[in-house]
């Protein structure tokens, strides 16, 4: 059976050659599509290193002389920030309160800094997050060794620093957790002594930016530096989260207006996230629609090719049945022929895919465009998709052809 099949493929080399070329081109295109989707979905599903559920950004404002409540003697409203935080912490609905400077997730505003241990430099863009200990508890940052937010916050004071474990990338085996407690140089400051208090689980900058690209440093925000304009974030207890923003705004005039400072707005971090990633998300959806349209065309092309090919072989199917072939054996022969040609076309496609990956044409992930697991997954997935299209293209016309009486089909031929 196998010898006859290979001999038949060889004898019909002209139509099979065109099918081979089509499957080769489709394999390369399909591999690229699957590889792109693999990278994007992998990046999107990476652990974020923080939790924004039940979290809110409390925006502050300052009264002007146009307001009846304006106090002209209150010229330094920043001194009220600690009192406001204290009042919010005593609110039974609020679990944690934190202040930060360019620090909350999905903020789009950043600052970078210099970081060094011994002779080892942290390379690339190092995000500098200046925060209070409560900020760690608001977004539930955790240590790489399993430290809780509360444990990390207790170490976070003075010149102690927290860094994400990937800050040195591969320069220190095991990451920054192996230098906890050591003296480090922060921001080029050689006068003050800084110590590494802990290593954090890596923190993502945004859902569509890979984890390895944004290592972070967390530095304690000194009380004297807590001025107006800082980011005030709170975590609400789940049972109080319903309509929390409106409730806090209604209560603010009675409980949280201090001097000329007042709460101007309360934003849910779910909304902040949605706004921050909207551009990337729309771009991703646009690509999905484009790839979906391309896949539909590939499907229809392959479906039409195999449908026409199988339809044209009604006489051959009838002849095989007249010599005692069963529906199953005839179907498996047609299917095997298509699978063999696909496998043969996949061999040069693998070579082309391999060279495309090494030519930096595909998406970069973790600094690489080729990884054996990623390459294998994309290759196998693309082959499976093409095989499924092929099976559909063969199955429907083959089953129709096998229902026709062999004598009628041969007479038509």
Protein backbone atom coordinates (compact mmCIF):
# COMPACT_ATOMS: atom_id res chain seq x y z
CA UNK A 1 0.00 0.00 0.00
CA UNK A 2 2.77 2.43 1.01
CA UNK A 3 4.91 1.58 -2.01
CA UNK A 4 1.93 2.06 -4.32
CA UNK A 5 1.13 5.37 -2.65
CA UNK A 6 4.65 6.75 -3.04
CA UNK A 7 4.77 5.49 -6.61
CA UNK A 8 1.46 7.23 -7.38
CA UNK A 9 2.73 10.49 -5.86
CA UNK A 10 5.86 10.20 -8.00
CA UNK A 11 3.91 9.43 -11.19
CA UNK A 12 1.62 12.42 -10.63
CA UNK A 13 4.57 14.73 -9.95
CA UNK A 14 3.30 17.71 -11.97
CA UNK A 15 0.08 18.42 -10.01
CA UNK A 16 1.81 17.33 -6.80
CA UNK A 17 4.66 19.79 -7.44
CA UNK A 18 2.23 22.72 -7.49
CA UNK A 19 0.59 21.41 -4.33
CA UNK A 20 4.06 21.06 -2.75
CA UNK A 21 4.90 24.71 -3.55
CA UNK A 22 1.57 25.91 -2.20
CA UNK A 23 1.97 23.98 1.04
CA UNK A 24 5.56 25.21 1.39
CA UNK A 25 4.51 28.87 1.12
CA UNK A 26 1.51 28.38 3.38
CA UNK A 27 3.71 26.65 5.98
CA UNK A 28 6.12 29.60 6.16
CA UNK A 29 3.33 32.19 6.42
CA UNK A 30 1.43 30.13 8.97
CA UNK A 31 4.55 29.66 11.09
CA UNK A 32 5.17 33.41 11.17
CA UNK A 33 1.58 34.10 12.24
CA UNK A 34 1.65 31.48 15.00
CA UNK A 35 5.08 32.68 16.19
CA UNK A 36 3.85 36.27 16.46
CA UNK A 37 0.75 35.22 18.37
CA UNK A 38 2.86 33.02 20.66
CA UNK A 39 5.09 35.94 21.64
CA UNK A 40 2.24 38.43 22.13
CA UNK A 41 0.15 36.04 24.22
CA UNK A 42 3.19 34.97 26.26
CA UNK A 43 4.03 38.60 27.06
CA UNK A 44 0.40 39.42 27.85
CA UNK A 45 0.08 36.44 30.24
CA UNK A 46 3.34 37.00 32.10
CA UNK A 47 2.89 37.43 35.86
CA UNK A 48 2.60 41.15 36.60
CA UNK A 49 4.23 41.20 40.01
CA UNK A 50 1.46 43.41 41.46
CA UNK A 51 -2.26 43.33 42.13
CA UNK A 52 -4.57 46.26 41.27
CA UNK A 53 -7.84 44.65 42.32
CA UNK A 54 -9.82 46.92 44.68
CA UNK A 55 -7.22 49.68 44.25
CA UNK A 56 -7.88 53.39 43.60
CA UNK A 57 -5.90 56.51 42.76
CA UNK A 58 -6.94 59.44 44.94
CA UNK A 59 -6.25 62.72 43.15
CA UNK A 60 -5.74 65.84 45.22
CA UNK A 61 -6.55 69.47 44.46
CA UNK A 62 -5.89 72.85 46.03
CA UNK A 63 -8.45 75.58 46.64
CA UNK A 64 -7.89 78.99 45.05
CA UNK A 65 -8.85 82.42 46.29
CA UNK A 66 -12.04 82.15 44.22
CA UNK A 67 -13.44 79.61 46.69
CA UNK A 68 -15.32 80.68 49.81
CA UNK A 69 -13.43 78.01 51.77
CA UNK A 70 -10.02 79.29 50.74
CA UNK A 71 -7.62 80.00 53.62
CA UNK A 72 -4.98 82.56 52.57
CA UNK A 73 -2.76 81.63 55.55
CA UNK A 74 -2.43 78.05 54.33
CA UNK A 75 0.42 78.59 51.90
CA UNK A 76 2.04 75.18 52.28
CA UNK A 77 -0.61 72.49 51.75
CA UNK A 78 2.00 69.76 51.42
CA UNK A 79 2.28 69.62 55.21
CA UNK A 80 -1.24 68.16 55.32
CA UNK A 81 -0.45 65.07 53.23
CA UNK A 82 0.61 62.92 56.20
CA UNK A 83 -2.53 63.86 58.11
CA UNK A 84 -4.69 62.94 55.12
CA UNK A 85 -2.97 59.55 54.82
CA UNK A 86 -3.53 58.96 58.53
CA UNK A 87 -7.24 59.74 58.22
CA UNK A 88 -7.60 57.44 55.23
CA UNK A 89 -5.81 54.63 57.09
CA UNK A 90 -8.41 54.90 59.87
CA UNK A 91 -11.24 54.51 57.35
CA UNK A 92 -12.66 50.99 57.96
CA UNK A 93 -13.20 50.54 54.22
CA UNK A 94 -9.50 51.05 53.41
CA UNK A 95 -6.94 48.27 53.83
CA UNK A 96 -3.74 50.15 52.91
CA UNK A 97 -2.59 53.65 51.91
CA UNK A 98 0.56 54.54 50.00
CA UNK A 99 2.30 57.51 48.43
CA UNK A 100 4.56 57.40 45.40
CA UNK A 101 6.32 59.48 42.80
CA UNK A 102 5.96 58.20 39.20
CA UNK A 103 5.37 54.82 40.78
CA UNK A 104 1.88 53.40 40.43
CA UNK A 105 1.17 50.73 37.77
CA UNK A 106 0.03 51.90 34.32
CA UNK A 107 0.97 55.54 34.99
CA UNK A 108 2.92 56.27 31.79
CA UNK A 109 5.20 58.64 33.70
CA UNK A 110 8.65 57.37 34.58
CA UNK A 111 12.02 58.18 36.00
CA UNK A 112 15.20 56.18 35.67
CA UNK A 113 18.31 55.88 37.80
CA UNK A 114 21.75 54.36 38.07
CA UNK A 115 22.37 51.20 40.11
CA UNK A 116 25.52 49.26 40.87
CA UNK A 117 26.76 46.49 43.15
CA UNK A 118 30.50 46.20 43.57
CA UNK A 119 31.73 46.34 39.94
CA UNK A 120 28.46 45.09 38.43
CA UNK A 121 26.26 47.64 36.68
CA UNK A 122 22.55 47.28 36.09
CA UNK A 123 22.19 47.89 32.36
CA UNK A 124 19.26 49.25 30.39
CA UNK A 125 16.32 51.33 31.56
CA UNK A 126 16.02 50.98 35.34
CA UNK A 127 12.67 52.28 36.61
CA UNK A 128 13.04 54.36 39.75
CA UNK A 129 10.03 54.12 42.08
CA UNK A 130 10.11 56.41 45.14
CA UNK A 131 7.37 55.28 47.54
CA UNK A 132 6.23 54.91 51.14
CA UNK A 133 6.06 51.46 52.80
CA UNK A 134 2.28 51.48 52.47
CA UNK A 135 2.64 51.52 48.68
CA UNK A 136 4.06 47.99 48.86
CA UNK A 137 0.95 46.80 50.68
CA UNK A 138 -1.45 48.64 48.36
CA UNK A 139 -0.19 46.81 45.26
CA UNK A 140 0.90 43.67 47.12
CA UNK A 141 4.47 43.44 45.91
CA UNK A 142 6.04 40.17 47.07
CA UNK A 143 9.59 38.99 47.62
CA UNK A 144 11.32 36.50 45.38
CA UNK A 145 11.78 34.23 48.43
CA UNK A 146 8.10 34.43 49.34
CA UNK A 147 8.21 37.52 51.59
CA UNK A 148 4.78 39.07 52.13
CA UNK A 149 4.07 42.77 51.43
CA UNK A 150 3.99 43.38 55.19
CA UNK A 151 7.43 41.79 55.66
CA UNK A 152 8.90 43.84 52.82
CA UNK A 153 7.32 47.06 54.13
CA UNK A 154 8.87 46.52 57.56
CA UNK A 155 12.38 46.53 56.02
CA UNK A 156 11.70 49.53 53.82
CA UNK A 157 12.99 52.65 55.54
CA UNK A 158 15.87 55.11 55.41
CA UNK A 159 18.39 54.21 52.74
CA UNK A 160 17.25 50.62 52.36
CA UNK A 161 16.28 49.68 48.82
CA UNK A 162 14.14 47.01 47.23
CA UNK A 163 14.88 45.87 43.67
CA UNK A 164 13.29 43.39 41.31
CA UNK A 165 15.24 40.16 41.13
CA UNK A 166 15.95 40.63 37.40
CA UNK A 167 17.74 43.97 37.74
CA UNK A 168 21.14 42.51 36.87
CA UNK A 169 19.66 40.13 34.30
CA UNK A 170 22.16 37.25 34.03
CA UNK A 171 25.15 39.01 35.61
CA UNK A 172 24.51 37.53 39.06
CA UNK A 173 23.59 33.87 39.24
CA UNK A 174 20.17 33.54 40.86
CA UNK A 175 19.51 37.27 40.59
CA UNK A 176 19.54 40.10 43.13
CA UNK A 177 18.28 37.85 45.94
CA UNK A 178 21.87 36.65 46.41
CA UNK A 179 23.12 40.13 47.36
CA UNK A 180 20.38 41.06 49.85
CA UNK A 181 21.93 42.87 52.81
CA UNK A 182 24.89 44.07 50.75
CA UNK A 183 25.97 47.66 50.20
CA UNK A 184 24.94 49.06 46.80
CA UNK A 185 25.35 52.33 44.92
CA UNK A 186 22.12 54.09 44.06
CA UNK A 187 21.77 56.98 41.64
CA UNK A 188 25.50 57.63 41.59
CA UNK A 189 25.34 58.65 45.26
CA UNK A 190 28.70 57.74 46.81
CA UNK A 191 28.17 59.83 49.96
CA UNK A 192 25.15 58.06 51.48
CA UNK A 193 25.30 54.35 52.16
CA UNK A 194 22.48 52.26 50.68
CA UNK A 195 21.71 48.65 51.45
CA UNK A 196 19.63 46.13 49.55
CA UNK A 197 16.79 45.17 51.89
CA UNK A 198 15.13 42.63 49.61
CA UNK A 199 14.59 41.29 46.11
CA UNK A 200 11.11 41.45 44.59
CA UNK A 201 9.26 39.28 42.16
CA UNK A 202 9.80 41.11 38.80
CA UNK A 203 7.24 43.86 38.18
CA UNK A 204 5.74 44.51 34.75
CA UNK A 205 5.43 48.02 33.37
CA UNK A 206 2.46 47.25 31.13
CA UNK A 207 0.58 44.21 29.88
CA UNK A 208 2.12 44.33 26.41
CA UNK A 209 5.71 45.07 27.49
CA UNK A 210 7.73 42.02 28.43
CA UNK A 211 8.80 41.54 32.00
CA UNK A 212 12.55 41.49 31.36
CA UNK A 213 12.61 45.01 29.86
CA UNK A 214 11.61 46.95 32.97
CA UNK A 215 13.67 46.10 36.08
CA UNK A 216 12.76 48.39 38.97
CA UNK A 217 14.21 49.97 42.11
CA UNK A 218 12.01 50.94 45.06
CA UNK A 219 13.36 53.71 47.30
CA UNK A 220 11.75 55.03 50.49
CA UNK A 221 10.05 58.41 50.20
CA UNK A 222 11.29 60.61 53.05
CA UNK A 223 8.61 62.43 55.12
CA UNK A 224 10.12 65.82 54.23
CA UNK A 225 9.62 65.06 50.52
CA UNK A 226 5.89 64.36 50.71
CA UNK A 227 4.54 67.31 48.81
CA UNK A 228 1.44 68.06 46.78
CA UNK A 229 1.36 66.28 43.44
CA UNK A 230 2.41 62.89 44.79
CA UNK A 231 0.37 59.84 43.85
CA UNK A 232 -1.94 58.77 46.66
CA UNK A 233 -3.14 55.19 46.23
CA UNK A 234 -5.40 53.08 48.41
CA UNK A 235 -6.47 49.47 48.58
CA UNK A 236 -10.09 48.94 49.60
CA UNK A 237 -11.40 45.92 51.45
CA UNK A 238 -13.41 43.79 49.00
CA UNK A 239 -16.64 44.05 50.99
CA UNK A 240 -16.49 47.88 50.77
CA UNK A 241 -15.47 48.15 47.12
CA UNK A 242 -18.96 48.68 45.71
CA UNK A 243 -19.29 52.34 44.65
CA UNK A 244 -16.27 53.26 46.78
CA UNK A 245 -15.18 56.20 44.57
CA UNK A 246 -18.50 58.02 44.91
CA UNK A 247 -18.70 57.26 48.63
CA UNK A 248 -15.24 58.70 49.30
CA UNK A 249 -15.96 61.83 47.26
CA UNK A 250 -19.20 62.41 49.20
CA UNK A 251 -17.35 62.01 52.52
CA UNK A 252 -14.33 64.07 51.48
CA UNK A 253 -15.73 67.53 52.29
CA UNK A 254 -16.51 66.55 55.88
CA UNK A 255 -13.59 64.27 56.66
CA UNK A 256 -10.74 64.76 54.20
CA UNK A 257 -10.59 68.48 53.35
CA UNK A 258 -7.51 69.75 55.20
CA UNK A 259 -6.58 73.40 54.83
CA UNK A 260 -6.78 74.20 51.14
CA UNK A 261 -6.18 70.61 50.12
CA UNK A 262 -9.09 68.43 49.05
CA UNK A 263 -9.83 65.19 47.18
CA UNK A 264 -10.64 66.15 43.59
CA UNK A 265 -11.20 62.73 42.04
CA UNK A 266 -11.04 58.99 42.72
CA UNK A 267 -10.13 56.63 39.88
CA UNK A 268 -10.35 52.87 39.82
CA UNK A 269 -7.16 51.15 38.70
CA UNK A 270 -9.25 48.93 36.46
CA UNK A 271 -10.15 52.08 34.49
CA UNK A 272 -6.56 53.37 34.62
CA UNK A 273 -5.33 50.06 33.22
CA UNK A 274 -7.94 50.05 30.46
CA UNK A 275 -6.95 53.56 29.38
CA UNK A 276 -3.24 52.83 29.55
CA UNK A 277 -3.29 49.69 27.41
CA UNK A 278 -6.06 50.82 25.03
CA UNK A 279 -3.66 51.81 22.23
CA UNK A 280 -1.70 48.54 22.45
CA UNK A 281 -4.90 46.56 22.81
CA UNK A 282 -6.46 48.18 19.73
CA UNK A 283 -3.28 47.56 17.76
CA UNK A 284 -3.32 43.94 18.88
CA UNK A 285 -6.99 43.52 17.93
CA UNK A 286 -6.29 45.09 14.53
CA UNK A 287 -3.51 42.59 13.97
CA UNK A 288 -5.80 39.75 15.05
CA UNK A 289 -8.41 40.82 12.50
CA UNK A 290 -5.74 41.07 9.81
CA UNK A 291 -4.31 37.67 10.65
CA UNK A 292 -7.81 36.24 10.86
CA UNK A 293 -8.56 37.50 7.36
CA UNK A 294 -5.28 36.05 6.10
CA UNK A 295 -5.99 32.70 7.78
CA UNK A 296 -9.46 32.67 6.23
CA UNK A 297 -7.93 33.16 2.79
CA UNK A 298 -5.39 30.42 3.45
CA UNK A 299 -8.17 28.13 4.63
CA UNK A 300 -10.35 28.82 1.61
CA UNK A 301 -7.35 28.39 -0.71
CA UNK A 302 -6.38 25.04 0.76
CA UNK A 303 -10.00 23.95 1.03
CA UNK A 304 -10.57 24.79 -2.63
CA UNK A 305 -7.35 23.07 -3.72
CA UNK A 306 -8.09 19.78 -1.98
CA UNK A 307 -11.81 19.95 -2.71
CA UNK A 308 -11.14 20.35 -6.45
CA UNK A 309 -8.35 17.76 -6.33
CA UNK A 310 -10.57 15.18 -4.61
CA UNK A 311 -13.57 15.98 -6.81
CA UNK A 312 -11.48 15.38 -9.93
CA UNK A 313 -10.58 11.90 -8.68
CA UNK A 314 -14.10 10.52 -8.48
CA UNK A 315 -13.24 7.97 -11.12
CA UNK A 316 -10.19 6.83 -9.20
CA UNK A 317 -12.25 6.53 -6.01
CA UNK A 318 -14.87 4.50 -7.85
CA UNK A 319 -12.17 2.21 -9.30
CA UNK A 320 -10.66 1.58 -5.87
CA UNK A 321 -14.11 0.74 -4.48
CA UNK A 322 -14.85 -1.57 -7.40
CA UNK A 323 -11.70 -3.55 -6.54
CA UNK A 324 -12.90 -4.09 -2.99
CA UNK A 325 -11.73 -0.94 -1.26
CA UNK A 326 -13.77 0.18 1.73
CA UNK A 327 -14.80 3.75 2.39
CA UNK A 328 -12.28 3.91 5.22
CA UNK A 329 -9.35 2.56 3.17
CA UNK A 330 -10.11 4.90 0.26
CA UNK A 331 -10.42 7.89 2.56
CA UNK A 332 -7.18 7.06 4.41
CA UNK A 333 -5.34 6.73 1.10
CA UNK A 334 -6.44 10.18 -0.04
CA UNK A 335 -5.64 11.66 3.36
CA UNK A 336 -2.24 9.93 3.57
CA UNK A 337 -1.28 11.34 0.19
CA UNK A 338 -2.00 14.89 1.36
CA UNK A 339 -0.18 14.40 4.68
CA UNK A 340 2.92 13.03 2.93
CA UNK A 341 3.10 16.01 0.58
CA UNK A 342 2.64 18.34 3.59
CA UNK A 343 5.49 16.66 5.46
CA UNK A 344 7.73 16.91 2.40
CA UNK A 345 6.88 20.62 2.04
CA UNK A 346 7.55 21.19 5.74
CA UNK A 347 11.22 20.20 5.42
CA UNK A 348 12.33 23.21 3.31
CA UNK A 349 9.84 25.37 5.24
CA UNK A 350 11.71 24.55 8.47
CA UNK A 351 14.95 25.74 6.89
CA UNK A 352 13.34 29.02 5.79
CA UNK A 353 11.67 29.49 9.21
CA UNK A 354 14.96 28.88 10.99
CA UNK A 355 16.76 31.50 8.90
CA UNK A 356 13.93 34.02 9.35
CA UNK A 357 14.14 33.59 13.13
CA UNK A 358 17.91 34.12 13.12
CA UNK A 359 17.60 37.13 10.79
CA UNK A 360 15.69 39.07 13.50
CA UNK A 361 12.59 39.30 11.31
CA UNK A 362 10.35 37.73 13.94
CA UNK A 363 9.28 39.26 17.27
CA UNK A 364 11.94 39.72 19.94
CA UNK A 365 11.30 38.08 23.32
CA UNK A 366 13.78 38.08 26.22
CA UNK A 367 16.37 39.49 23.84
CA UNK A 368 16.02 36.56 21.44
CA UNK A 369 14.17 35.88 18.21
CA UNK A 370 14.92 32.15 18.31
CA UNK A 371 14.25 29.76 21.18
CA UNK A 372 13.94 26.05 20.61
CA UNK A 373 10.68 25.70 22.61
CA UNK A 374 9.08 28.70 20.91
CA UNK A 375 10.28 27.60 17.45
CA UNK A 376 9.05 24.02 17.95
CA UNK A 377 5.66 25.13 19.30
CA UNK A 378 5.07 27.50 16.37
CA UNK A 379 6.18 24.89 13.84
CA UNK A 380 4.05 22.06 15.24
CA UNK A 381 1.02 24.33 15.68
CA UNK A 382 1.21 25.63 12.11
CA UNK A 383 1.49 22.06 10.76
CA UNK A 384 -1.55 21.00 12.79
CA UNK A 385 -3.59 23.96 11.50
CA UNK A 386 -2.67 23.19 7.88
CA UNK A 387 -3.42 19.51 8.41
CA UNK A 388 -6.86 20.37 9.81
CA UNK A 389 -7.60 22.55 6.78
CA UNK A 390 -6.43 19.72 4.55
CA UNK A 391 -8.60 17.13 6.31
CA UNK A 392 -11.70 19.31 5.86
CA UNK A 393 -10.83 19.91 2.20
CA UNK A 394 -10.48 16.18 1.55
CA UNK A 395 -13.19 14.77 3.81
CA UNK A 396 -16.31 16.51 2.48
CA UNK A 397 -15.88 15.83 -1.28
CA UNK A 398 -14.41 12.36 -0.58
CA UNK A 399 -17.45 11.29 1.43
CA UNK A 400 -19.74 12.65 -1.26
CA UNK A 401 -17.81 10.79 -3.96
CA UNK A 402 -17.92 7.51 -2.02
CA UNK A 403 -21.72 7.64 -1.82
CA UNK A 404 -21.99 7.45 -5.62
CA UNK A 405 -22.33 4.00 -7.17
CA UNK A 406 -18.92 2.99 -8.62
CA UNK A 407 -20.48 2.01 -11.97
CA UNK A 408 -22.16 5.43 -12.31
CA UNK A 409 -18.93 7.27 -11.43
CA UNK A 410 -16.90 5.18 -13.91
CA UNK A 411 -19.55 5.73 -16.61
CA UNK A 412 -19.32 9.52 -16.05
CA UNK A 413 -15.54 9.33 -16.38
